PDB file of N, CA and C in Angstrom:
ATOM      1  N   UNK A   1      83.083  86.498 117.708  1.00  0.00           N
ATOM      2  CA  UNK A   1      82.878  87.616 116.899  1.00  0.00           C
ATOM      3  C   UNK A   1      81.398  87.582 116.179  1.00  0.00           C
ATOM      4  N   UNK A   2      80.734  88.423 116.443  1.00  0.00           N
ATOM      5  CA  UNK A   2      79.372  88.319 115.991  1.00  0.00           C
ATOM      6  C   UNK A   2      79.567  88.921 114.686  1.00  0.00           C
ATOM      7  N   UNK A   3      78.802  88.123 113.723  1.00  0.00           N
ATOM      8  CA  UNK A   3      78.557  88.506 112.274  1.00  0.00           C
ATOM      9  C   UNK A   3      77.966  89.966 112.004  1.00  0.00           C
ATOM     10  N   UNK A   4      77.130  90.507 112.898  1.00  0.00           N
ATOM     11  CA  UNK A   4      76.529  91.599 112.731  1.00  0.00           C
ATOM     12  C   UNK A   4      77.704  92.740 112.589  1.00  0.00           C
ATOM     13  N   UNK A   5      78.688  92.402 113.422  1.00  0.00           N
ATOM     14  CA  UNK A   5      80.083  93.333 112.819  1.00  0.00           C
ATOM     15  C   UNK A   5      80.449  93.119 111.406  1.00  0.00           C
ATOM     16  N   UNK A   6      79.994  92.540 110.822  1.00  0.00           N
ATOM     17  CA  UNK A   6      80.576  92.538 109.162  1.00  0.00           C
ATOM     18  C   UNK A   6      79.750  92.874 108.193  1.00  0.00           C
ATOM     19  N   UNK A   7      78.528  93.207 108.896  1.00  0.00           N
ATOM     20  CA  UNK A   7      77.390  93.908 107.680  1.00  0.00           C
ATOM     21  C   UNK A   7      78.237  94.901 107.066  1.00  0.00           C
ATOM     22  N   UNK A   8      77.891  94.652 105.595  1.00  0.00           N
ATOM     23  CA  UNK A   8      78.349  95.724 104.323  1.00  0.00           C
ATOM     24  C   UNK A   8      79.559  95.171 104.005  1.00  0.00           C
ATOM     25  N   UNK A   9      80.438  94.332 104.500  1.00  0.00           N
ATOM     26  CA  UNK A   9      81.635  93.779 104.118  1.00  0.00           C
ATOM     27  C   UNK A   9      81.265  93.153 102.642  1.00  0.00           C
ATOM     28  N   UNK A  10      82.301  93.565 101.677  1.00  0.00           N
ATOM     29  CA  UNK A  10      82.348  93.394 100.287  1.00  0.00           C
ATOM     30  C   UNK A  10      83.396  92.491  99.860  1.00  0.00           C
ATOM     31  N   UNK A  11      84.443  92.704 100.262  1.00  0.00           N
ATOM     32  CA  UNK A  11      85.772  92.231 100.231  1.00  0.00           C
ATOM     33  C   UNK A  11      86.909  92.558 101.122  1.00  0.00           C
ATOM     34  N   UNK A  12      87.954  91.840 100.649  1.00  0.00           N
ATOM     35  CA  UNK A  12      88.941  92.338 101.503  1.00  0.00           C
ATOM     36  C   UNK A  12      90.109  92.566 100.280  1.00  0.00           C
ATOM     37  N   UNK A  13      90.678  93.786 100.566  1.00  0.00           N
ATOM     38  CA  UNK A  13      91.529  94.438  99.672  1.00  0.00           C
ATOM     39  C   UNK A  13      93.090  94.413 100.091  1.00  0.00           C
ATOM     40  N   UNK A  14      93.906  94.237  98.904  1.00  0.00           N
ATOM     41  CA  UNK A  14      95.497  94.263  98.991  1.00  0.00           C
ATOM     42  C   UNK A  14      95.966  95.757  98.405  1.00  0.00           C
ATOM     43  N   UNK A  15      96.526  96.138  98.992  1.00  0.00           N
ATOM     44  CA  UNK A  15      97.370  97.445  98.242  1.00  0.00           C
ATOM     45  C   UNK A  15      99.267  96.929  98.438  1.00  0.00           C
ATOM     46  N   UNK A  16      99.909  96.986  97.176  1.00  0.00           N
ATOM     47  CA  UNK A  16     101.012  96.249  97.659  1.00  0.00           C
ATOM     48  C   UNK A  16     101.966  97.931  96.923  1.00  0.00           C
ATOM     49  N   UNK A  17     102.723  98.290  97.730  1.00  0.00           N
ATOM     50  CA  UNK A  17     103.391  99.623  97.344  1.00  0.00           C
ATOM     51  C   UNK A  17     104.865  99.460  97.401  1.00  0.00           C
ATOM     52  N   UNK A  18     105.333 100.124  96.069  1.00  0.00           N
ATOM     53  CA  UNK A  18     107.156  99.840  96.169  1.00  0.00           C
ATOM     54  C   UNK A  18     107.555 101.351  96.565  1.00  0.00           C
ATOM     55  N   UNK A  19     108.572 101.560  97.353  1.00  0.00           N
ATOM     56  CA  UNK A  19     109.038 102.669  97.333  1.00  0.00           C
ATOM     57  C   UNK A  19     110.650 102.942  96.984  1.00  0.00           C
ATOM     58  N   UNK A  20     111.034 103.578  96.209  1.00  0.00           N
ATOM     59  CA  UNK A  20     112.436 103.854  96.153  1.00  0.00           C
ATOM     60  C   UNK A  20     113.014 105.052  96.212  1.00  0.00           C
ATOM     61  N   UNK A  21     113.993 104.805  96.891  1.00  0.00           N
ATOM     62  CA  UNK A  21     114.862 105.938  97.579  1.00  0.00           C
ATOM     63  C   UNK A  21     116.276 105.835  96.921  1.00  0.00           C
ATOM     64  N   UNK A  22     116.721 107.121  96.453  1.00  0.00           N
ATOM     65  CA  UNK A  22     118.187 107.089  95.931  1.00  0.00           C
ATOM     66  C   UNK A  22     119.245 106.462  96.551  1.00  0.00           C
ATOM     67  N   UNK A  23     120.055 105.252  96.159  1.00  0.00           N
ATOM     68  CA  UNK A  23     121.326 104.670  97.087  1.00  0.00           C
ATOM     69  C   UNK A  23     120.465 103.730  98.163  1.00  0.00           C
ATOM     70  N   UNK A  24     119.281 103.385  97.868  1.00  0.00           N
ATOM     71  CA  UNK A  24     118.456 102.165  98.525  1.00  0.00           C
ATOM     72  C   UNK A  24     118.250 101.174  97.665  1.00  0.00           C
ATOM     73  N   UNK A  25     118.148 100.040  98.491  1.00  0.00           N
ATOM     74  CA  UNK A  25     117.162  99.025  97.712  1.00  0.00           C
ATOM     75  C   UNK A  25     115.556  99.435  98.037  1.00  0.00           C
ATOM     76  N   UNK A  26     114.856  99.151  96.738  1.00  0.00           N
ATOM     77  CA  UNK A  26     113.484  99.553  96.739  1.00  0.00           C
ATOM     78  C   UNK A  26     112.513  98.555  98.420  1.00  0.00           C
ATOM     79  N   UNK A  27     111.819  99.301  98.921  1.00  0.00           N
ATOM     80  CA  UNK A  27     111.245  98.510  99.655  1.00  0.00           C
ATOM     81  C   UNK A  27     109.701  98.223  99.100  1.00  0.00           C
ATOM     82  N   UNK A  28     109.017  97.456  99.928  1.00  0.00           N
ATOM     83  CA  UNK A  28     107.657  96.794  98.997  1.00  0.00           C
ATOM     84  C   UNK A  28     106.793  96.789 100.560  1.00  0.00           C
ATOM     85  N   UNK A  29     105.700  97.162 100.701  1.00  0.00           N
ATOM     86  CA  UNK A  29     104.834  96.938 101.631  1.00  0.00           C
ATOM     87  C   UNK A  29     103.259  96.700 101.080  1.00  0.00           C
ATOM     88  N   UNK A  30     102.742  96.128 102.232  1.00  0.00           N
ATOM     89  CA  UNK A  30     101.454  95.697 101.542  1.00  0.00           C
ATOM     90  C   UNK A  30     100.776  95.860 103.040  1.00  0.00           C
ATOM     91  N   UNK A  31      99.411  96.551 102.542  1.00  0.00           N
ATOM     92  CA  UNK A  31      98.521  96.848 103.332  1.00  0.00           C
ATOM     93  C   UNK A  31      97.291  96.062 102.853  1.00  0.00           C
ATOM     94  N   UNK A  32      96.492  95.756 103.912  1.00  0.00           N
ATOM     95  CA  UNK A  32      95.244  94.767 103.508  1.00  0.00           C
ATOM     96  C   UNK A  32      94.025  95.786 104.241  1.00  0.00           C
ATOM     97  N   UNK A  33      92.972  95.923 103.585  1.00  0.00           N
ATOM     98  CA  UNK A  33      91.401  96.804 103.656  1.00  0.00           C
ATOM     99  C   UNK A  33      90.412  95.675 103.678  1.00  0.00           C
ATOM    100  N   UNK A  34      89.405  96.104 104.628  1.00  0.00           N
ATOM    101  CA  UNK A  34      88.124  95.609 104.548  1.00  0.00           C
ATOM    102  C   UNK A  34      87.256  96.620 103.883  1.00  0.00           C
ATOM    103  N   UNK A  35      86.660  95.966 103.170  1.00  0.00           N
ATOM    104  CA  UNK A  35      86.086  96.854 101.929  1.00  0.00           C
ATOM    105  C   UNK A  35      84.505  96.764 101.778  1.00  0.00           C
ATOM    106  N   UNK A  36      83.959  97.811 101.783  1.00  0.00           N
ATOM    107  CA  UNK A  36      82.452  97.954 101.579  1.00  0.00           C
ATOM    108  C   UNK A  36      81.951  98.512 100.428  1.00  0.00           C
ATOM    109  N   UNK A  37      83.069  99.114  99.458  1.00  0.00           N
ATOM    110  CA  UNK A  37      82.751  99.836  98.644  1.00  0.00           C
ATOM    111  C   UNK A  37      81.884  98.916  97.366  1.00  0.00           C
ATOM    112  N   UNK A  38      81.095  99.567  96.714  1.00  0.00           N
ATOM    113  CA  UNK A  38      80.885  98.915  95.260  1.00  0.00           C
ATOM    114  C   UNK A  38      81.768  99.164  94.459  1.00  0.00           C
ATOM    115  N   UNK A  39      81.764  98.452  93.554  1.00  0.00           N
ATOM    116  CA  UNK A  39      82.733  98.737  92.072  1.00  0.00           C
ATOM    117  C   UNK A  39      83.688  97.697  92.544  1.00  0.00           C
ATOM    118  N   UNK A  40      84.418  97.540  91.365  1.00  0.00           N
ATOM    119  CA  UNK A  40      85.439  96.895  91.101  1.00  0.00           C
ATOM    120  C   UNK A  40      86.935  97.304  91.570  1.00  0.00           C
ATOM    121  N   UNK A  41      87.903  96.958  91.030  1.00  0.00           N
ATOM    122  CA  UNK A  41      89.318  97.097  91.449  1.00  0.00           C
ATOM    123  C   UNK A  41      89.835  98.362  91.367  1.00  0.00           C
ATOM    124  N   UNK A  42      89.060  98.807  90.082  1.00  0.00           N
ATOM    125  CA  UNK A  42      89.448 100.592  89.750  1.00  0.00           C
ATOM    126  C   UNK A  42      88.751 101.180  90.558  1.00  0.00           C
ATOM    127  N   UNK A  43      87.733 101.124  91.542  1.00  0.00           N
ATOM    128  CA  UNK A  43      87.118 102.141  92.407  1.00  0.00           C
ATOM    129  C   UNK A  43      87.650 101.882  93.648  1.00  0.00           C
ATOM    130  N   UNK A  44      88.394 100.572  94.186  1.00  0.00           N
ATOM    131  CA  UNK A  44      89.039 100.548  95.317  1.00  0.00           C
ATOM    132  C   UNK A  44      90.419 101.095  95.042  1.00  0.00           C
ATOM    133  N   UNK A  45      90.861 101.123  94.021  1.00  0.00           N
ATOM    134  CA  UNK A  45      92.161 101.657  93.964  1.00  0.00           C
ATOM    135  C   UNK A  45      92.186 103.359  94.054  1.00  0.00           C
ATOM    136  N   UNK A  46      91.270 103.641  93.449  1.00  0.00           N
ATOM    137  CA  UNK A  46      90.945 105.297  93.340  1.00  0.00           C
ATOM    138  C   UNK A  46      90.421 105.592  94.612  1.00  0.00           C
ATOM    139  N   UNK A  47      89.553 105.071  95.433  1.00  0.00           N
ATOM    140  CA  UNK A  47      89.670 105.221  96.576  1.00  0.00           C
ATOM    141  C   UNK A  47      90.500 105.263  97.646  1.00  0.00           C
ATOM    142  N   UNK A  48      91.336 104.585  97.428  1.00  0.00           N
ATOM    143  CA  UNK A  48      92.711 104.175  98.403  1.00  0.00           C
ATOM    144  C   UNK A  48      93.675 105.121  98.121  1.00  0.00           C
ATOM    145  N   UNK A  49      93.945 105.471  96.633  1.00  0.00           N
ATOM    146  CA  UNK A  49      94.948 106.755  96.411  1.00  0.00           C
ATOM    147  C   UNK A  49      94.375 107.945  96.861  1.00  0.00           C
ATOM    148  N   UNK A  50      93.045 108.195  96.681  1.00  0.00           N
ATOM    149  CA  UNK A  50      92.174 109.528  97.531  1.00  0.00           C
ATOM    150  C   UNK A  50      93.039 109.551  98.859  1.00  0.00           C
ATOM    151  N   UNK A  51      92.241 108.520  99.640  1.00  0.00           N
ATOM    152  CA  UNK A  51      92.330 108.677 100.924  1.00  0.00           C
ATOM    153  C   UNK A  51      93.983 108.893 101.270  1.00  0.00           C
ATOM    154  N   UNK A  52      94.933 108.229 100.484  1.00  0.00           N
ATOM    155  CA  UNK A  52      96.517 108.646 101.051  1.00  0.00           C
ATOM    156  C   UNK A  52      96.791 110.180 100.229  1.00  0.00           C
ATOM    157  N   UNK A  53      96.248 110.444  99.371  1.00  0.00           N
ATOM    158  CA  UNK A  53      96.404 111.972  98.931  1.00  0.00           C
ATOM    159  C   UNK A  53      96.185 112.882 100.170  1.00  0.00           C
ATOM    160  N   UNK A  54      94.981 112.761 100.719  1.00  0.00           N
ATOM    161  CA  UNK A  54      94.647 113.536 101.761  1.00  0.00           C
ATOM    162  C   UNK A  54      95.238 113.369 102.620  1.00  0.00           C
ATOM    163  N   UNK A  55      95.600 112.113 103.203  1.00  0.00           N
ATOM    164  CA  UNK A  55      96.979 111.838 104.270  1.00  0.00           C
ATOM    165  C   UNK A  55      98.311 112.389 104.226  1.00  0.00           C
ATOM    166  N   UNK A  56      98.579 112.490 102.854  1.00  0.00           N
ATOM    167  CA  UNK A  56     100.188 113.346 102.709  1.00  0.00           C
ATOM    168  C   UNK A  56      99.908 114.815 102.758  1.00  0.00           C
ATOM    169  N   UNK A  57      98.800 115.347 102.015  1.00  0.00           N
ATOM    170  CA  UNK A  57      98.647 116.810 102.016  1.00  0.00           C
ATOM    171  C   UNK A  57      98.821 117.121 103.220  1.00  0.00           C
ATOM    172  N   UNK A  58      97.692 116.284 104.382  1.00  0.00           N
ATOM    173  CA  UNK A  58      97.619 116.933 105.570  1.00  0.00           C
ATOM    174  C   UNK A  58      99.237 116.735 106.406  1.00  0.00           C
ATOM    175  N   UNK A  59      99.545 115.983 106.240  1.00  0.00           N
ATOM    176  CA  UNK A  59     100.933 115.623 107.289  1.00  0.00           C
ATOM    177  C   UNK A  59     101.975 116.586 106.367  1.00  0.00           C
ATOM    178  N   UNK A  60     102.024 116.900 105.238  1.00  0.00           N
ATOM    179  CA  UNK A  60     102.793 117.938 104.505  1.00  0.00           C
ATOM    180  C   UNK A  60     102.452 119.160 105.203  1.00  0.00           C
ATOM    181  N   UNK A  61     101.415 119.616 105.337  1.00  0.00           N
ATOM    182  CA  UNK A  61     101.156 121.016 106.031  1.00  0.00           C
ATOM    183  C   UNK A  61     101.511 121.034 107.261  1.00  0.00           C
ATOM    184  N   UNK A  62     101.349 119.882 107.973  1.00  0.00           N
ATOM    185  CA  UNK A  62     101.555 119.865 109.413  1.00  0.00           C
ATOM    186  C   UNK A  62     103.219 119.797 109.553  1.00  0.00           C
ATOM    187  N   UNK A  63     103.897 119.026 108.805  1.00  0.00           N
ATOM    188  CA  UNK A  63     105.389 118.957 109.101  1.00  0.00           C
ATOM    189  C   UNK A  63     105.787 120.488 108.245  1.00  0.00           C
ATOM    190  N   UNK A  64     105.310 121.359 107.470  1.00  0.00           N
ATOM    191  CA  UNK A  64     105.652 122.427 107.295  1.00  0.00           C
ATOM    192  C   UNK A  64     105.398 123.550 108.271  1.00  0.00           C
ATOM    193  N   UNK A  65     104.381 123.772 108.551  1.00  0.00           N
ATOM    194  CA  UNK A  65     103.560 124.781 109.717  1.00  0.00           C
ATOM    195  C   UNK A  65     104.061 124.225 111.085  1.00  0.00           C
ATOM    196  N   UNK A  66     104.016 123.047 111.407  1.00  0.00           N
ATOM    197  CA  UNK A  66     104.599 122.728 112.770  1.00  0.00           C
ATOM    198  C   UNK A  66     105.743 121.962 112.999  1.00  0.00           C
ATOM    199  N   UNK A  67     106.512 121.808 112.011  1.00  0.00           N
ATOM    200  CA  UNK A  67     107.573 120.799 112.072  1.00  0.00           C
ATOM    201  C   UNK A  67     107.447 119.558 112.756  1.00  0.00           C
ATOM    202  N   UNK A  68     105.970 118.806 112.388  1.00  0.00           N
ATOM    203  CA  UNK A  68     105.873 117.828 113.212  1.00  0.00           C
ATOM    204  C   UNK A  68     106.757 116.505 113.092  1.00  0.00           C
ATOM    205  N   UNK A  69     107.586 116.155 111.979  1.00  0.00           N
ATOM    206  CA  UNK A  69     108.411 115.401 111.878  1.00  0.00           C
ATOM    207  C   UNK A  69     109.458 115.425 112.770  1.00  0.00           C
ATOM    208  N   UNK A  70     109.714 116.710 113.324  1.00  0.00           N
ATOM    209  CA  UNK A  70     110.967 116.758 114.142  1.00  0.00           C
ATOM    210  C   UNK A  70     110.536 116.982 115.846  1.00  0.00           C
ATOM    211  N   UNK A  71     109.690 116.474 116.073  1.00  0.00           N
ATOM    212  CA  UNK A  71     108.826 116.574 117.275  1.00  0.00           C
ATOM    213  C   UNK A  71     109.526 115.495 118.141  1.00  0.00           C
ATOM    214  N   UNK A  72     109.992 116.093 119.373  1.00  0.00           N
ATOM    215  CA  UNK A  72     110.532 114.718 120.192  1.00  0.00           C
ATOM    216  C   UNK A  72     109.778 114.473 121.259  1.00  0.00           C
ATOM    217  N   UNK A  73     108.409 114.747 121.068  1.00  0.00           N
ATOM    218  CA  UNK A  73     107.341 114.250 122.052  1.00  0.00           C
ATOM    219  C   UNK A  73     106.927 113.104 121.763  1.00  0.00           C
ATOM    220  N   UNK A  74     107.297 112.212 122.450  1.00  0.00           N
ATOM    221  CA  UNK A  74     107.235 110.595 122.267  1.00  0.00           C
ATOM    222  C   UNK A  74     106.951 109.709 123.458  1.00  0.00           C
ATOM    223  N   UNK A  75     106.185 110.235 124.662  1.00  0.00           N
ATOM    224  CA  UNK A  75     105.678 109.248 125.665  1.00  0.00           C
ATOM    225  C   UNK A  75     104.508 109.644 126.008  1.00  0.00           C
ATOM    226  N   UNK A  76     103.772 108.601 126.641  1.00  0.00           N
ATOM    227  CA  UNK A  76     102.351 108.469 127.336  1.00  0.00           C
ATOM    228  C   UNK A  76     101.276 109.076 125.925  1.00  0.00           C
ATOM    229  N   UNK A  77     100.600 109.718 126.470  1.00  0.00           N
ATOM    230  CA  UNK A  77      99.427 110.285 125.401  1.00  0.00           C
ATOM    231  C   UNK A  77      99.999 111.575 124.884  1.00  0.00           C
ATOM    232  N   UNK A  78     101.214 111.921 125.100  1.00  0.00           N
ATOM    233  CA  UNK A  78     101.590 113.300 124.922  1.00  0.00           C
ATOM    234  C   UNK A  78     101.487 113.320 122.995  1.00  0.00           C
ATOM    235  N   UNK A  79     101.969 112.305 122.436  1.00  0.00           N
ATOM    236  CA  UNK A  79     101.779 112.428 120.935  1.00  0.00           C
ATOM    237  C   UNK A  79     100.658 112.314 120.283  1.00  0.00           C
ATOM    238  N   UNK A  80      99.427 111.654 120.895  1.00  0.00           N
ATOM    239  CA  UNK A  80      98.318 111.681 120.144  1.00  0.00           C
ATOM    240  C   UNK A  80      97.608 113.561 120.720  1.00  0.00           C
ATOM    241  N   UNK A  81      97.821 113.661 121.924  1.00  0.00           N
ATOM    242  CA  UNK A  81      97.218 115.191 122.346  1.00  0.00           C
ATOM    243  C   UNK A  81      97.916 116.079 121.304  1.00  0.00           C
ATOM    244  N   UNK A  82      99.125 116.055 121.161  1.00  0.00           N
ATOM    245  CA  UNK A  82      99.754 117.326 120.316  1.00  0.00           C
ATOM    246  C   UNK A  82      99.267 117.433 119.012  1.00  0.00           C
ATOM    247  N   UNK A  83      99.053 115.707 118.643  1.00  0.00           N
ATOM    248  CA  UNK A  83      98.255 115.546 116.928  1.00  0.00           C
ATOM    249  C   UNK A  83      97.089 116.035 116.763  1.00  0.00           C
ATOM    250  N   UNK A  84      96.417 116.182 117.753  1.00  0.00           N
ATOM    251  CA  UNK A  84      95.143 116.926 117.983  1.00  0.00           C
ATOM    252  C   UNK A  84      95.270 118.381 118.215  1.00  0.00           C
ATOM    253  N   UNK A  85      96.136 118.780 118.817  1.00  0.00           N
ATOM    254  CA  UNK A  85      96.345 120.270 118.907  1.00  0.00           C
ATOM    255  C   UNK A  85      96.803 120.478 117.668  1.00  0.00           C
ATOM    256  N   UNK A  86      97.441 120.269 117.206  1.00  0.00           N
ATOM    257  CA  UNK A  86      98.189 120.725 115.792  1.00  0.00           C
ATOM    258  C   UNK A  86      96.843 120.856 114.512  1.00  0.00           C
ATOM    259  N   UNK A  87      96.069 119.846 114.829  1.00  0.00           N
ATOM    260  CA  UNK A  87      95.008 119.611 113.466  1.00  0.00           C
ATOM    261  C   UNK A  87      94.178 120.826 113.947  1.00  0.00           C
ATOM    262  N   UNK A  88      93.868 120.939 115.092  1.00  0.00           N
ATOM    263  CA  UNK A  88      93.005 122.223 115.277  1.00  0.00           C
ATOM    264  C   UNK A  88      93.636 123.434 114.764  1.00  0.00           C
ATOM    265  N   UNK A  89      94.863 123.626 115.138  1.00  0.00           N
ATOM    266  CA  UNK A  89      95.474 124.680 114.868  1.00  0.00           C
ATOM    267  C   UNK A  89      95.756 125.131 113.184  1.00  0.00           C
ATOM    268  N   UNK A  90      95.707 123.891 112.425  1.00  0.00           N
ATOM    269  CA  UNK A  90      95.789 123.856 111.242  1.00  0.00           C
ATOM    270  C   UNK A  90      94.405 124.309 110.638  1.00  0.00           C
ATOM    271  N   UNK A  91      93.242 123.770 111.124  1.00  0.00           N
ATOM    272  CA  UNK A  91      91.960 124.222 110.467  1.00  0.00           C
ATOM    273  C   UNK A  91      91.582 125.556 111.115  1.00  0.00           C
ATOM    274  N   UNK A  92      91.918 125.916 112.234  1.00  0.00           N
ATOM    275  CA  UNK A  92      91.822 127.275 112.553  1.00  0.00           C
ATOM    276  C   UNK A  92      92.667 128.356 111.745  1.00  0.00           C
ATOM    277  N   UNK A  93      93.955 128.135 111.024  1.00  0.00           N
ATOM    278  CA  UNK A  93      94.633 128.717 110.113  1.00  0.00           C
ATOM    279  C   UNK A  93      94.122 128.922 109.125  1.00  0.00           C
ATOM    280  N   UNK A  94      93.454 127.498 108.716  1.00  0.00           N
ATOM    281  CA  UNK A  94      93.066 127.357 107.518  1.00  0.00           C
ATOM    282  C   UNK A  94      91.840 128.396 106.767  1.00  0.00           C
ATOM    283  N   UNK A  95      90.907 128.512 108.083  1.00  0.00           N
ATOM    284  CA  UNK A  95      89.914 129.132 108.058  1.00  0.00           C
ATOM    285  C   UNK A  95      89.884 130.626 108.124  1.00  0.00           C
ATOM    286  N   UNK A  96      90.718 130.998 108.552  1.00  0.00           N
ATOM    287  CA  UNK A  96      91.249 132.475 108.796  1.00  0.00           C
ATOM    288  C   UNK A  96      91.421 133.252 107.643  1.00  0.00           C
ATOM    289  N   UNK A  97      90.785 134.223 106.799  1.00  0.00           N
ATOM    290  CA  UNK A  97      90.967 134.480 105.502  1.00  0.00           C
ATOM    291  C   UNK A  97      91.465 135.767 105.725  1.00  0.00           C
ATOM    292  N   UNK A  98      91.676 136.526 106.449  1.00  0.00           N
ATOM    293  CA  UNK A  98      91.850 138.056 106.102  1.00  0.00           C
ATOM    294  C   UNK A  98      93.568 138.472 105.802  1.00  0.00           C
ATOM    295  N   UNK A  99      94.275 137.460 106.046  1.00  0.00           N
ATOM    296  CA  UNK A  99      95.683 137.428 105.410  1.00  0.00           C
ATOM    297  C   UNK A  99      95.845 136.430 104.618  1.00  0.00           C
ATOM    298  N   UNK A 100      96.193 136.665 103.370  1.00  0.00           N
ATOM    299  CA  UNK A 100      96.410 136.092 102.107  1.00  0.00           C
ATOM    300  C   UNK A 100      98.096 135.557 101.962  1.00  0.00           C
ATOM    301  N   UNK A 101      98.439 134.543 103.090  1.00  0.00           N
ATOM    302  CA  UNK A 101      99.562 134.124 103.108  1.00  0.00           C
ATOM    303  C   UNK A 101      99.207 132.663 103.373  1.00  0.00           C
ATOM    304  N   UNK A 102     100.536 131.540 103.487  1.00  0.00           N
ATOM    305  CA  UNK A 102     100.441 130.194 103.761  1.00  0.00           C
ATOM    306  C   UNK A 102      99.908 130.047 105.150  1.00  0.00           C
ATOM    307  N   UNK A 103     100.250 128.575 105.378  1.00  0.00           N
ATOM    308  CA  UNK A 103      99.810 128.379 106.804  1.00  0.00           C
ATOM    309  C   UNK A 103     100.983 128.496 108.098  1.00  0.00           C
ATOM    310  N   UNK A 104     102.230 128.380 107.505  1.00  0.00           N
ATOM    311  CA  UNK A 104     103.161 128.490 108.109  1.00  0.00           C
ATOM    312  C   UNK A 104     103.480 130.207 108.421  1.00  0.00           C
ATOM    313  N   UNK A 105     103.438 130.971 107.423  1.00  0.00           N
ATOM    314  CA  UNK A 105     103.088 132.685 107.721  1.00  0.00           C
ATOM    315  C   UNK A 105     102.057 132.938 108.831  1.00  0.00           C
ATOM    316  N   UNK A 106     101.027 132.418 108.625  1.00  0.00           N
ATOM    317  CA  UNK A 106      99.780 132.463 109.573  1.00  0.00           C
ATOM    318  C   UNK A 106     100.450 132.277 110.884  1.00  0.00           C
ATOM    319  N   UNK A 107     101.079 131.008 111.047  1.00  0.00           N
ATOM    320  CA  UNK A 107     101.287 130.565 112.067  1.00  0.00           C
ATOM    321  C   UNK A 107     102.140 131.498 113.131  1.00  0.00           C
ATOM    322  N   UNK A 108     103.426 131.895 112.138  1.00  0.00           N
ATOM    323  CA  UNK A 108     104.370 132.746 112.910  1.00  0.00           C
ATOM    324  C   UNK A 108     103.571 134.183 113.108  1.00  0.00           C
ATOM    325  N   UNK A 109     103.118 134.408 112.505  1.00  0.00           N
ATOM    326  CA  UNK A 109     102.121 135.979 112.206  1.00  0.00           C
ATOM    327  C   UNK A 109     101.493 135.878 113.753  1.00  0.00           C
ATOM    328  N   UNK A 110     100.706 134.854 113.813  1.00  0.00           N
ATOM    329  CA  UNK A 110     100.016 134.660 115.268  1.00  0.00           C
ATOM    330  C   UNK A 110     100.640 134.385 116.225  1.00  0.00           C
ATOM    331  N   UNK A 111     102.285 133.968 116.142  1.00  0.00           N
ATOM    332  CA  UNK A 111     103.088 133.924 117.584  1.00  0.00           C
ATOM    333  C   UNK A 111     103.732 135.536 117.597  1.00  0.00           C
ATOM    334  N   UNK A 112     103.687 136.428 116.497  1.00  0.00           N
ATOM    335  CA  UNK A 112     104.344 137.645 116.960  1.00  0.00           C
ATOM    336  C   UNK A 112     103.224 138.739 117.348  1.00  0.00           C
ATOM    337  N   UNK A 113     101.913 138.434 117.066  1.00  0.00           N
ATOM    338  CA  UNK A 113     100.659 139.323 116.941  1.00  0.00           C
ATOM    339  C   UNK A 113      99.466 139.034 117.802  1.00  0.00           C
ATOM    340  N   UNK A 114      99.634 139.418 118.958  1.00  0.00           N
ATOM    341  CA  UNK A 114      98.249 138.740 119.571  1.00  0.00           C
ATOM    342  C   UNK A 114      96.653 139.244 119.092  1.00  0.00           C
ATOM    343  N   UNK A 115      96.726 140.186 118.111  1.00  0.00           N
ATOM    344  CA  UNK A 115      95.557 140.852 117.772  1.00  0.00           C
ATOM    345  C   UNK A 115      95.030 139.971 116.736  1.00  0.00           C
ATOM    346  N   UNK A 116      96.149 139.206 115.982  1.00  0.00           N
ATOM    347  CA  UNK A 116      96.041 138.430 114.899  1.00  0.00           C
ATOM    348  C   UNK A 116      95.443 137.018 115.333  1.00  0.00           C
ATOM    349  N   UNK A 117      96.302 136.518 116.325  1.00  0.00           N
ATOM    350  CA  UNK A 117      95.938 135.218 117.074  1.00  0.00           C
ATOM    351  C   UNK A 117      94.521 135.202 117.929  1.00  0.00           C
ATOM    352  N   UNK A 118      93.898 136.436 118.303  1.00  0.00           N
ATOM    353  CA  UNK A 118      92.677 136.549 118.640  1.00  0.00           C
ATOM    354  C   UNK A 118      91.658 136.236 117.671  1.00  0.00           C
ATOM    355  N   UNK A 119      92.294 136.748 116.600  1.00  0.00           N
ATOM    356  CA  UNK A 119      91.277 136.744 115.223  1.00  0.00           C
ATOM    357  C   UNK A 119      91.298 134.969 114.714  1.00  0.00           C
ATOM    358  N   UNK A 120      92.351 134.374 114.833  1.00  0.00           N
ATOM    359  CA  UNK A 120      92.240 133.325 114.285  1.00  0.00           C
ATOM    360  C   UNK A 120      91.459 132.510 115.123  1.00  0.00           C
ATOM    361  N   UNK A 121      91.588 132.716 116.833  1.00  0.00           N
ATOM    362  CA  UNK A 121      91.008 131.789 117.884  1.00  0.00           C
ATOM    363  C   UNK A 121      89.304 132.247 117.351  1.00  0.00           C
ATOM    364  N   UNK A 122      89.075 133.414 116.876  1.00  0.00           N
ATOM    365  CA  UNK A 122      87.734 133.664 116.969  1.00  0.00           C
ATOM    366  C   UNK A 122      86.904 133.012 115.787  1.00  0.00           C
ATOM    367  N   UNK A 123      87.826 132.635 114.758  1.00  0.00           N
ATOM    368  CA  UNK A 123      87.023 131.684 113.763  1.00  0.00           C
ATOM    369  C   UNK A 123      86.678 130.274 114.163  1.00  0.00           C
ATOM    370  N   UNK A 124      87.190 129.886 115.014  1.00  0.00           N
ATOM    371  CA  UNK A 124      86.127 128.478 116.005  1.00  0.00           C
ATOM    372  C   UNK A 124      85.037 128.832 116.469  1.00  0.00           C
ATOM    373  N   UNK A 125      84.647 129.904 116.692  1.00  0.00           N
ATOM    374  CA  UNK A 125      83.200 130.612 117.408  1.00  0.00           C
ATOM    375  C   UNK A 125      82.113 130.126 116.211  1.00  0.00           C
TER     376      UNK A 125
END
């Protein structure tokens, strides 16, 4: 491995997370990170929380608007392709501002109303 690939690496970080669900034993997971951030443990923890906060909000939106967790698409490149399509659709719904409702309601509206669907798609232009 070429040392140039590690330029900027300052430390290796470890996050240990405990998850507790009712009626189940707690589970502990460990995630390792290659860190190029300046600052100490506090900065690393803040950056990690921020990243997972964004991930969780996006996942929640995708699950509410598109029922992503219930998807039965599991083979080949189909899961990755559908994830890209859902992200694009979520971004388009977020950008369209003429209707003041949530993303799930906007998605249902563009299913029923081709004029609104055209307006949503036009936000990409």
